[in-house]
Amino acid sequence: DAAGKTLGVLSVFAAHATPPSAAELDLLAQLARLAGLAVERHQVAQQLRANEAAFRALAEHTPEAVLVHRAGTILYVNPAALRLFGASSTSQLLGTATRDRIAAAYLPQQLARMQAITSGIPIEPLVESRIVRLDGSELDVEVQGTALQYGGAPAIHVSIRDISERKHAQEQLRVAASVFSHSPSCRRITIHPDQPVS
């Protein structure tokens, strides 16, 4: 190979024991190089398959939604992503455009992040966004995208976490704080540890 490592042995047998000519030696050297390239490609393909299998084994069992896309086309989704997007099978998401799963208000932000990841430009690792489920409903999420090799070519790995309950709780706290700050009778609240709050 290029590093000088022996990948195999090329054996040639002749009917008569004569020294090879310069042309024959050149031909044998070319054959050896071609055989070496073929072996190297096979080894690289095996390693890629092994890496992809390891990735799938991890992604399939994580509770967080994971998808992989290339140039905006979804190539892989794990079971958690199926549930998050409201899909019953991978065929509903594979081969579709990521932009169809991003809420319009967040599309410019996410397209810019995809471009930055593809270009190797550092980005904020985790941001809030909103996805569009298959039924058209929208869901608040946190997303994290990173570059990876998938199927032997560059792609983007995306982890997606549902934060809709957290956002709902934050909104309830904001409303409660607003009510309490504007109500003269609610200026002071005392909570006793052994009494439930109503």
C-alpha atoms as a PDB file:
ATOM      1  CA  ASP A   1       0.000   0.000   0.000  1.00  0.00           C
ATOM      2  CA  ALA A   2       1.008   3.682   0.050  1.00  0.00           C
ATOM      3  CA  ALA A   3       2.591   3.246   3.487  1.00  0.00           C
ATOM      4  CA  GLY A   4       4.744   0.330   2.304  1.00  0.00           C
ATOM      5  CA  LYS A   5       2.751  -2.321   4.162  1.00  0.00           C
ATOM      6  CA  THR A   6       2.556  -5.727   2.464  1.00  0.00           C
ATOM      7  CA  LEU A   7      -1.056  -6.541   1.621  1.00  0.00           C
ATOM      8  CA  GLY A   8      -0.466  -9.896  -0.032  1.00  0.00           C
ATOM      9  CA  VAL A   9       1.729 -11.876  -2.384  1.00  0.00           C
ATOM     10  CA  LEU A  10       1.374 -12.021  -6.157  1.00  0.00           C
ATOM     11  CA  SER A  11       2.747 -15.303  -7.521  1.00  0.00           C
ATOM     12  CA  VAL A  12       3.489 -15.857 -11.196  1.00  0.00           C
ATOM     13  CA  PHE A  13       4.464 -19.185 -12.724  1.00  0.00           C
ATOM     14  CA  ALA A  14       6.161 -19.618 -16.087  1.00  0.00           C
ATOM     15  CA  ALA A  15       6.299 -22.757 -18.243  1.00  0.00           C
ATOM     16  CA  HIS A  16      10.027 -22.268 -18.775  1.00  0.00           C
ATOM     17  CA  ALA A  17      12.566 -21.068 -16.219  1.00  0.00           C
ATOM     18  CA  THR A  18      13.816 -17.905 -17.925  1.00  0.00           C
ATOM     19  CA  PRO A  19      14.548 -14.520 -16.383  1.00  0.00           C
ATOM     20  CA  PRO A  20      11.681 -12.035 -16.963  1.00  0.00           C
ATOM     21  CA  SER A  21      12.221  -9.181 -19.380  1.00  0.00           C
ATOM     22  CA  ALA A  22      12.036  -5.531 -18.312  1.00  0.00           C
ATOM     23  CA  ALA A  23       8.573  -5.270 -19.934  1.00  0.00           C
ATOM     24  CA  GLU A  24       7.372  -8.338 -18.046  1.00  0.00           C
ATOM     25  CA  LEU A  25       8.714  -6.965 -14.743  1.00  0.00           C
ATOM     26  CA  ASP A  26       6.942  -3.667 -15.442  1.00  0.00           C
ATOM     27  CA  LEU A  27       3.708  -5.532 -16.191  1.00  0.00           C
ATOM     28  CA  LEU A  28       4.054  -7.560 -12.964  1.00  0.00           C
ATOM     29  CA  ALA A  29       4.649  -4.357 -10.951  1.00  0.00           C
ATOM     30  CA  GLN A  30       1.495  -2.804 -12.448  1.00  0.00           C
ATOM     31  CA  LEU A  31      -0.513  -5.953 -11.689  1.00  0.00           C
ATOM     32  CA  ALA A  32       0.768  -5.937  -8.104  1.00  0.00           C
ATOM     33  CA  ARG A  33      -0.234  -2.260  -7.693  1.00  0.00           C
ATOM     34  CA  LEU A  34      -3.732  -2.957  -9.065  1.00  0.00           C
ATOM     35  CA  ALA A  35      -4.144  -5.993  -6.821  1.00  0.00           C
ATOM     36  CA  GLY A  36      -2.968  -3.903  -3.850  1.00  0.00           C
ATOM     37  CA  LEU A  37      -5.536  -1.196  -4.641  1.00  0.00           C
ATOM     38  CA  ALA A  38      -8.286  -3.796  -4.878  1.00  0.00           C
ATOM     39  CA  VAL A  39      -7.309  -5.308  -1.514  1.00  0.00           C
ATOM     40  CA  GLU A  40      -7.091  -1.858   0.086  1.00  0.00           C
ATOM     41  CA  ARG A  41     -10.529  -0.863  -1.234  1.00  0.00           C
ATOM     42  CA  HIS A  42     -11.989  -4.105   0.055  1.00  0.00           C
ATOM     43  CA  GLN A  43     -10.478  -3.488   3.508  1.00  0.00           C
ATOM     44  CA  VAL A  44     -11.775   0.091   3.577  1.00  0.00           C
ATOM     45  CA  ALA A  45     -15.265  -1.088   2.550  1.00  0.00           C
ATOM     46  CA  GLN A  46     -15.205  -3.724   5.305  1.00  0.00           C
ATOM     47  CA  GLN A  47     -14.187  -1.092   7.873  1.00  0.00           C
ATOM     48  CA  LEU A  48     -16.941   1.263   6.700  1.00  0.00           C
ATOM     49  CA  ARG A  49     -19.528  -1.521   7.032  1.00  0.00           C
ATOM     50  CA  ALA A  50     -18.248  -2.356  10.512  1.00  0.00           C
ATOM     51  CA  ASN A  51     -18.347   1.321  11.565  1.00  0.00           C
ATOM     52  CA  GLU A  52     -21.859   1.761  10.196  1.00  0.00           C
ATOM     53  CA  ALA A  53     -23.034  -1.401  11.962  1.00  0.00           C
ATOM     54  CA  ALA A  54     -21.572  -0.118  15.249  1.00  0.00           C
ATOM     55  CA  PHE A  55     -23.256   3.263  14.725  1.00  0.00           C
ATOM     56  CA  ARG A  56     -26.609   1.600  14.044  1.00  0.00           C
ATOM     57  CA  ALA A  57     -26.271  -0.633  17.109  1.00  0.00           C
ATOM     58  CA  LEU A  58     -25.766   2.446  19.290  1.00  0.00           C
ATOM     59  CA  ALA A  59     -28.395   4.607  17.596  1.00  0.00           C
ATOM     60  CA  GLU A  60     -31.081   1.917  17.547  1.00  0.00           C
ATOM     61  CA  HIS A  61     -31.064   1.642  21.339  1.00  0.00           C
ATOM     62  CA  THR A  62     -30.712   5.266  22.395  1.00  0.00           C
ATOM     63  CA  PRO A  63     -33.878   6.945  23.726  1.00  0.00           C
ATOM     64  CA  GLU A  64     -32.970  10.146  21.855  1.00  0.00           C
ATOM     65  CA  ALA A  65     -34.176  10.647  18.298  1.00  0.00           C
ATOM     66  CA  VAL A  66     -31.335  10.268  15.783  1.00  0.00           C
ATOM     67  CA  LEU A  67     -31.341  10.853  12.054  1.00  0.00           C
ATOM     68  CA  VAL A  68     -28.647  11.037   9.404  1.00  0.00           C
ATOM     69  CA  HIS A  69     -28.993  13.100   6.250  1.00  0.00           C
ATOM     70  CA  ARG A  70     -26.869  14.033   3.281  1.00  0.00           C
ATOM     71  CA  ALA A  71     -27.525  17.206   1.296  1.00  0.00           C
ATOM     72  CA  GLY A  72     -30.867  17.487   3.079  1.00  0.00           C
ATOM     73  CA  THR A  73     -32.106  13.973   2.244  1.00  0.00           C
ATOM     74  CA  ILE A  74     -32.810  11.668   5.196  1.00  0.00           C
ATOM     75  CA  LEU A  75     -30.768   8.447   5.016  1.00  0.00           C
ATOM     76  CA  TYR A  76     -31.350   6.922   8.461  1.00  0.00           C
ATOM     77  CA  VAL A  77     -33.763   7.279  11.387  1.00  0.00           C
ATOM     78  CA  ASN A  78     -33.765   5.356  14.648  1.00  0.00           C
ATOM     79  CA  PRO A  79     -36.937   4.084  16.406  1.00  0.00           C
ATOM     80  CA  ALA A  80     -37.026   7.138  18.705  1.00  0.00           C
ATOM     81  CA  ALA A  81     -37.050   9.416  15.631  1.00  0.00           C
ATOM     82  CA  LEU A  82     -39.966   7.440  14.183  1.00  0.00           C
ATOM     83  CA  ARG A  83     -41.940   8.083  17.377  1.00  0.00           C
ATOM     84  CA  LEU A  84     -40.934  11.756  17.544  1.00  0.00           C
ATOM     85  CA  PHE A  85     -42.049  12.435  13.963  1.00  0.00           C
ATOM     86  CA  GLY A  86     -45.179  10.278  14.307  1.00  0.00           C
ATOM     87  CA  ALA A  87     -44.072   7.752  11.677  1.00  0.00           C
ATOM     88  CA  SER A  88     -45.059   4.098  11.733  1.00  0.00           C
ATOM     89  CA  SER A  89     -42.233   2.953   9.437  1.00  0.00           C
ATOM     90  CA  THR A  90     -38.883   4.192   8.181  1.00  0.00           C
ATOM     91  CA  SER A  91     -40.261   4.395   4.633  1.00  0.00           C
ATOM     92  CA  GLN A  92     -42.276   7.459   5.683  1.00  0.00           C
ATOM     93  CA  LEU A  93     -39.062   9.399   6.403  1.00  0.00           C
ATOM     94  CA  LEU A  94     -36.196   7.839   4.435  1.00  0.00           C
ATOM     95  CA  GLY A  95     -35.483   9.673   1.201  1.00  0.00           C
ATOM     96  CA  THR A  96     -37.546  12.698   2.246  1.00  0.00           C
ATOM     97  CA  ALA A  97     -36.240  16.240   2.657  1.00  0.00           C
ATOM     98  CA  THR A  98     -35.137  17.419   6.098  1.00  0.00           C
ATOM     99  CA  ARG A  99     -36.546  20.850   5.279  1.00  0.00           C
ATOM    100  CA  ASP A 100     -40.054  19.306   5.259  1.00  0.00           C
ATOM    101  CA  ARG A 101     -39.552  18.303   8.904  1.00  0.00           C
ATOM    102  CA  ILE A 102     -38.404  21.755  10.096  1.00  0.00           C
ATOM    103  CA  ALA A 103     -40.933  24.438  11.101  1.00  0.00           C
ATOM    104  CA  ALA A 104     -40.848  27.443   8.741  1.00  0.00           C
ATOM    105  CA  ALA A 105     -39.785  29.870  11.496  1.00  0.00           C
ATOM    106  CA  TYR A 106     -36.658  27.776  12.157  1.00  0.00           C
ATOM    107  CA  LEU A 107     -35.792  26.780   8.592  1.00  0.00           C
ATOM    108  CA  PRO A 108     -33.249  29.593   7.895  1.00  0.00           C
ATOM    109  CA  GLN A 109     -31.446  28.821  11.182  1.00  0.00           C
ATOM    110  CA  GLN A 110     -31.274  25.097  10.478  1.00  0.00           C
ATOM    111  CA  LEU A 111     -30.211  25.507   6.834  1.00  0.00           C
ATOM    112  CA  ALA A 112     -27.377  27.795   7.978  1.00  0.00           C
ATOM    113  CA  ARG A 113     -26.314  25.194  10.567  1.00  0.00           C
ATOM    114  CA  MET A 114     -26.326  22.437   7.925  1.00  0.00           C
ATOM    115  CA  GLN A 115     -24.161  24.560   5.628  1.00  0.00           C
ATOM    116  CA  ALA A 116     -21.736  25.334   8.471  1.00  0.00           C
ATOM    117  CA  ILE A 117     -21.439  21.660   9.444  1.00  0.00           C
ATOM    118  CA  THR A 118     -20.844  20.660   5.816  1.00  0.00           C
ATOM    119  CA  SER A 119     -18.191  23.383   5.483  1.00  0.00           C
ATOM    120  CA  GLY A 120     -16.472  22.467   8.757  1.00  0.00           C
ATOM    121  CA  ILE A 121     -17.338  25.788  10.404  1.00  0.00           C
ATOM    122  CA  PRO A 122     -17.808  25.561  14.206  1.00  0.00           C
ATOM    123  CA  ILE A 123     -21.387  26.038  15.380  1.00  0.00           C
ATOM    124  CA  GLU A 124     -23.203  26.223  18.700  1.00  0.00           C
ATOM    125  CA  PRO A 125     -23.546  22.542  19.618  1.00  0.00           C
ATOM    126  CA  LEU A 126     -27.132  22.539  20.901  1.00  0.00           C
ATOM    127  CA  VAL A 127     -29.948  24.876  19.826  1.00  0.00           C
ATOM    128  CA  GLU A 128     -33.692  25.057  20.202  1.00  0.00           C
ATOM    129  CA  SER A 129     -35.758  24.453  17.113  1.00  0.00           C
ATOM    130  CA  ARG A 130     -39.166  23.174  16.104  1.00  0.00           C
ATOM    131  CA  ILE A 131     -39.973  20.141  13.985  1.00  0.00           C
ATOM    132  CA  VAL A 132     -43.000  19.334  11.866  1.00  0.00           C
ATOM    133  CA  ARG A 133     -44.438  15.891  12.540  1.00  0.00           C
ATOM    134  CA  LEU A 134     -46.022  13.832   9.764  1.00  0.00           C
ATOM    135  CA  ASP A 135     -49.501  14.886  10.916  1.00  0.00           C
ATOM    136  CA  GLY A 136     -48.506  18.559  10.461  1.00  0.00           C
ATOM    137  CA  SER A 137     -48.290  19.379  14.174  1.00  0.00           C
ATOM    138  CA  GLU A 138     -45.214  21.166  15.454  1.00  0.00           C
ATOM    139  CA  LEU A 139     -43.039  20.186  18.401  1.00  0.00           C
ATOM    140  CA  ASP A 140     -40.386  22.152  20.319  1.00  0.00           C
ATOM    141  CA  VAL A 141     -37.025  20.368  20.284  1.00  0.00           C
ATOM    142  CA  GLU A 142     -33.321  20.777  20.921  1.00  0.00           C
ATOM    143  CA  VAL A 143     -31.079  19.695  18.064  1.00  0.00           C
ATOM    144  CA  GLN A 144     -27.413  18.880  17.805  1.00  0.00           C
ATOM    145  CA  GLY A 145     -25.750  18.216  14.472  1.00  0.00           C
ATOM    146  CA  THR A 146     -22.309  16.838  13.695  1.00  0.00           C
ATOM    147  CA  ALA A 147     -20.484  15.751  10.568  1.00  0.00           C
ATOM    148  CA  LEU A 148     -19.796  12.051  10.018  1.00  0.00           C
ATOM    149  CA  GLN A 149     -19.045   9.524   7.295  1.00  0.00           C
ATOM    150  CA  TYR A 150     -22.104   7.441   6.459  1.00  0.00           C
ATOM    151  CA  GLY A 151     -22.162   4.879   3.681  1.00  0.00           C
ATOM    152  CA  GLY A 152     -18.684   5.985   2.669  1.00  0.00           C
ATOM    153  CA  ALA A 153     -19.572   9.642   2.106  1.00  0.00           C
ATOM    154  CA  PRO A 154     -19.913  12.803   4.227  1.00  0.00           C
ATOM    155  CA  ALA A 155     -23.252  13.233   6.001  1.00  0.00           C
ATOM    156  CA  ILE A 156     -24.769  14.964   9.040  1.00  0.00           C
ATOM    157  CA  HIS A 157     -25.787  13.156  12.231  1.00  0.00           C
ATOM    158  CA  VAL A 158     -28.610  14.910  14.115  1.00  0.00           C
ATOM    159  CA  SER A 159     -29.715  14.206  17.693  1.00  0.00           C
ATOM    160  CA  ILE A 160     -33.171  15.568  18.531  1.00  0.00           C
ATOM    161  CA  ARG A 161     -34.662  15.915  22.010  1.00  0.00           C
ATOM    162  CA  ASP A 162     -38.332  16.738  22.683  1.00  0.00           C
ATOM    163  CA  ILE A 163     -38.487  19.795  24.964  1.00  0.00           C
ATOM    164  CA  SER A 164     -42.196  20.545  24.545  1.00  0.00           C
ATOM    165  CA  GLU A 165     -42.995  19.720  28.201  1.00  0.00           C
ATOM    166  CA  ARG A 166     -40.169  21.938  29.417  1.00  0.00           C
ATOM    167  CA  LYS A 167     -41.331  24.798  27.170  1.00  0.00           C
ATOM    168  CA  HIS A 168     -44.902  24.362  28.425  1.00  0.00           C
ATOM    169  CA  ALA A 169     -43.722  24.461  32.064  1.00  0.00           C
ATOM    170  CA  GLN A 170     -41.638  27.589  31.350  1.00  0.00           C
ATOM    171  CA  GLU A 171     -44.667  29.286  29.828  1.00  0.00           C
ATOM    172  CA  GLN A 172     -46.806  28.374  32.843  1.00  0.00           C
ATOM    173  CA  LEU A 173     -44.168  29.827  35.171  1.00  0.00           C
ATOM    174  CA  ARG A 174     -43.984  32.999  33.075  1.00  0.00           C
ATOM    175  CA  VAL A 175     -47.770  33.440  33.226  1.00  0.00           C
ATOM    176  CA  ALA A 176     -47.838  32.730  36.969  1.00  0.00           C
ATOM    177  CA  ALA A 177     -45.024  35.216  37.598  1.00  0.00           C
ATOM    178  CA  SER A 178     -46.881  37.828  35.559  1.00  0.00           C
ATOM    179  CA  VAL A 179     -50.106  37.258  37.514  1.00  0.00           C
ATOM    180  CA  PHE A 180     -48.325  37.408  40.865  1.00  0.00           C
ATOM    181  CA  SER A 181     -46.345  40.517  39.994  1.00  0.00           C
ATOM    182  CA  HIS A 182     -49.505  42.411  38.948  1.00  0.00           C
ATOM    183  CA  SER A 183     -51.828  41.304  41.742  1.00  0.00           C
ATOM    184  CA  PRO A 184     -51.651  43.312  45.007  1.00  0.00           C
ATOM    185  CA  SER A 185     -53.195  40.434  46.991  1.00  0.00           C
ATOM    186  CA  CYS A 186     -50.520  37.968  45.826  1.00  0.00           C
ATOM    187  CA  ARG A 187     -47.406  39.806  46.885  1.00  0.00           C
ATOM    188  CA  ARG A 188     -46.444  37.245  49.501  1.00  0.00           C
ATOM    189  CA  ILE A 189     -46.672  33.481  49.314  1.00  0.00           C
ATOM    190  CA  THR A 190     -45.782  31.193  52.185  1.00  0.00           C
ATOM    191  CA  ILE A 191     -45.335  27.493  51.561  1.00  0.00           C
ATOM    192  CA  HIS A 192     -45.392  25.088  54.478  1.00  0.00           C
ATOM    193  CA  PRO A 193     -43.411  21.907  53.867  1.00  0.00           C
ATOM    194  CA  ASP A 194     -46.145  19.645  55.238  1.00  0.00           C
ATOM    195  CA  GLN A 195     -49.032  21.253  53.336  1.00  0.00           C
ATOM    196  CA  PRO A 196     -49.737  20.791  49.617  1.00  0.00           C
ATOM    197  CA  VAL A 197     -49.608  23.871  47.432  1.00  0.00           C
ATOM    198  CA  SER A 198     -52.858  24.610  45.607  1.00  0.00           C
END
